[in-house]
Protein backbone atom coordinates (compact mmCIF):
# COMPACT_ATOMS: atom_id res chain seq x y z
CA UNK A 1 35.73 49.94 70.17
CA UNK A 2 32.56 52.33 68.45
CA UNK A 3 34.13 54.05 65.55
CA UNK A 4 31.30 55.98 65.00
CA UNK A 5 31.87 59.94 65.59
CA UNK A 6 30.43 63.04 64.95
CA UNK A 7 31.35 66.58 63.25
CA UNK A 8 30.27 69.64 63.10
CA UNK A 9 29.76 71.29 59.89
CA UNK A 10 29.28 75.07 59.51
CA UNK A 11 28.97 75.59 55.93
CA UNK A 12 27.60 74.17 52.92
CA UNK A 13 30.50 72.31 52.24
CA UNK A 14 30.65 70.30 48.58
CA UNK A 15 31.33 67.18 50.84
CA UNK A 16 28.07 67.53 52.35
CA UNK A 17 24.98 65.78 50.22
CA UNK A 18 23.14 68.08 48.00
CA UNK A 19 20.00 68.15 50.04
CA UNK A 20 22.16 68.60 53.55
CA UNK A 21 23.39 71.96 52.29
CA UNK A 22 21.19 73.54 54.29
CA UNK A 23 23.26 75.54 56.79
CA UNK A 24 21.44 78.75 56.90
CA UNK A 25 18.20 78.38 56.03
CA UNK A 26 15.67 78.19 58.41
CA UNK A 27 13.75 75.65 60.45
CA UNK A 28 9.69 76.08 60.62
CA UNK A 29 8.00 73.99 62.63
CA UNK A 30 4.88 73.07 62.08
CA UNK A 31 2.50 75.94 62.48
CA UNK A 32 4.84 77.03 59.86
CA UNK A 33 6.39 79.77 62.35
CA UNK A 34 10.17 80.13 62.13
CA UNK A 35 12.04 78.12 64.64
CA UNK A 36 15.34 79.24 64.30
CA UNK A 37 18.65 79.61 61.60
CA UNK A 38 20.50 76.08 60.84
CA UNK A 39 23.31 77.20 62.29
CA UNK A 40 25.29 74.21 60.91
CA UNK A 41 25.13 69.84 60.41
CA UNK A 42 26.40 67.15 62.32
CA UNK A 43 27.60 64.63 60.27
CA UNK A 44 29.35 61.63 60.75
CA UNK A 45 32.93 61.56 59.76
CA UNK A 46 33.73 59.36 57.36
CA UNK A 47 31.00 59.18 55.44
CA UNK A 48 29.58 63.02 55.28
CA UNK A 49 26.06 62.22 56.28
CA UNK A 50 24.00 64.52 57.72
CA UNK A 51 22.45 62.83 61.43
CA UNK A 52 21.47 66.29 62.63
CA UNK A 53 21.23 69.70 61.58
CA UNK A 54 21.97 72.37 65.17
CA UNK A 55 19.81 75.37 65.35
CA UNK A 56 20.31 77.88 68.45
CA UNK A 57 17.32 78.91 70.81
CA UNK A 58 17.39 82.21 73.04
CA UNK A 59 20.14 83.18 72.69
CA UNK A 60 21.11 86.85 71.25
CA UNK A 61 23.29 87.27 67.98
CA UNK A 62 24.35 83.21 68.72
CA UNK A 63 25.44 84.18 72.30
CA UNK A 64 24.15 82.01 75.43
CA UNK A 65 21.83 80.02 73.50
CA UNK A 66 20.56 76.34 73.97
CA UNK A 67 22.37 74.63 71.00
CA UNK A 68 19.34 72.39 70.20
CA UNK A 69 20.41 69.00 67.84
CA UNK A 70 17.53 68.24 65.21
CA UNK A 71 17.60 64.44 63.93
CA UNK A 72 18.01 65.14 60.04
CA UNK A 73 15.38 62.48 59.35
CA UNK A 74 13.04 64.84 61.65
CA UNK A 75 13.16 67.64 58.60
CA UNK A 76 12.74 67.87 55.20
CA UNK A 77 13.76 70.68 52.97
CA UNK A 78 11.07 72.23 51.59
CA UNK A 79 12.16 75.15 49.19
CA UNK A 80 15.11 77.52 49.00
CA UNK A 81 16.28 78.75 52.52
CA UNK A 82 13.09 76.98 54.07
CA UNK A 83 13.15 73.39 55.70
CA UNK A 84 10.26 71.86 57.93
CA UNK A 85 9.66 69.85 61.18
CA UNK A 86 6.42 68.11 62.23
CA UNK A 87 7.87 69.02 65.90
CA UNK A 88 6.07 72.85 67.66
CA UNK A 89 8.90 75.18 68.39
CA UNK A 90 8.17 74.58 71.86
CA UNK A 91 8.30 70.93 71.86
CA UNK A 92 12.10 71.65 70.02
CA UNK A 93 13.35 74.14 73.00
CA UNK A 94 12.04 71.47 75.35
CA UNK A 95 14.52 68.79 73.66
CA UNK A 96 17.49 67.65 75.32
CA UNK A 97 21.05 69.34 74.20
CA UNK A 98 24.81 67.76 74.47
CA UNK A 99 27.51 69.82 76.63
CA UNK A 100 29.46 69.93 73.43
CA UNK A 101 28.92 70.56 70.08
CA UNK A 102 32.26 68.78 68.70
CA UNK A 103 31.99 65.68 71.54
CA UNK A 104 28.48 64.43 71.87
CA UNK A 105 28.80 61.32 73.01
CA UNK A 106 26.07 58.54 72.41
CA UNK A 107 24.31 58.60 75.95
CA UNK A 108 23.54 62.45 75.01
CA UNK A 109 22.45 61.03 70.97
CA UNK A 110 20.13 58.45 72.23
CA UNK A 111 17.99 60.77 75.14
CA UNK A 112 17.87 62.88 71.74
CA UNK A 113 16.84 61.05 69.59
CA UNK A 114 14.49 58.87 72.33
CA UNK A 115 12.74 62.32 72.54
CA UNK A 116 12.08 62.64 68.95
CA UNK A 117 11.01 59.30 68.94
CA UNK A 118 13.18 57.81 66.62
CA UNK A 119 15.78 54.60 67.22
CA UNK A 120 19.89 54.86 67.03
CA UNK A 121 20.81 54.65 63.65
CA UNK A 122 23.86 52.85 64.68
CA UNK A 123 21.65 49.99 65.41
CA UNK A 124 20.12 50.32 62.03
CA UNK A 125 22.84 49.10 59.78
CA UNK A 126 23.35 45.66 61.95
CA UNK A 127 19.84 44.13 60.05
CA UNK A 128 21.84 43.85 57.26
CA UNK A 129 25.25 42.68 58.14
CA UNK A 130 26.74 45.76 57.47
CA UNK A 131 28.24 48.74 60.01
């Protein structure tokens, strides 16, 4: 049975790795244009390892916008308040999003990771015998 689960964190908690305390920062695309403000981070429940940043696109005051998960490994902290990705804002807007941000399924994660050309992180653990 897969005991993996993600927890949504909406503030820069001390339990996050220092490089993952980016809630409230702005995500910039490959054209150096602001895509959105980072609303939160989805972390693995047991380890607090950041897996996705959460942005809200297309809504007004975070109402009815599309919650988009961007894999953390597709982002880089540039400076205080600034995170960049090699993806365009349009591509991020077209990315699949989960039905419920608090209950992201493995199938939804696989779809999102596939969109970003990434392998599921939980399969990588098995290479060294851990997991």
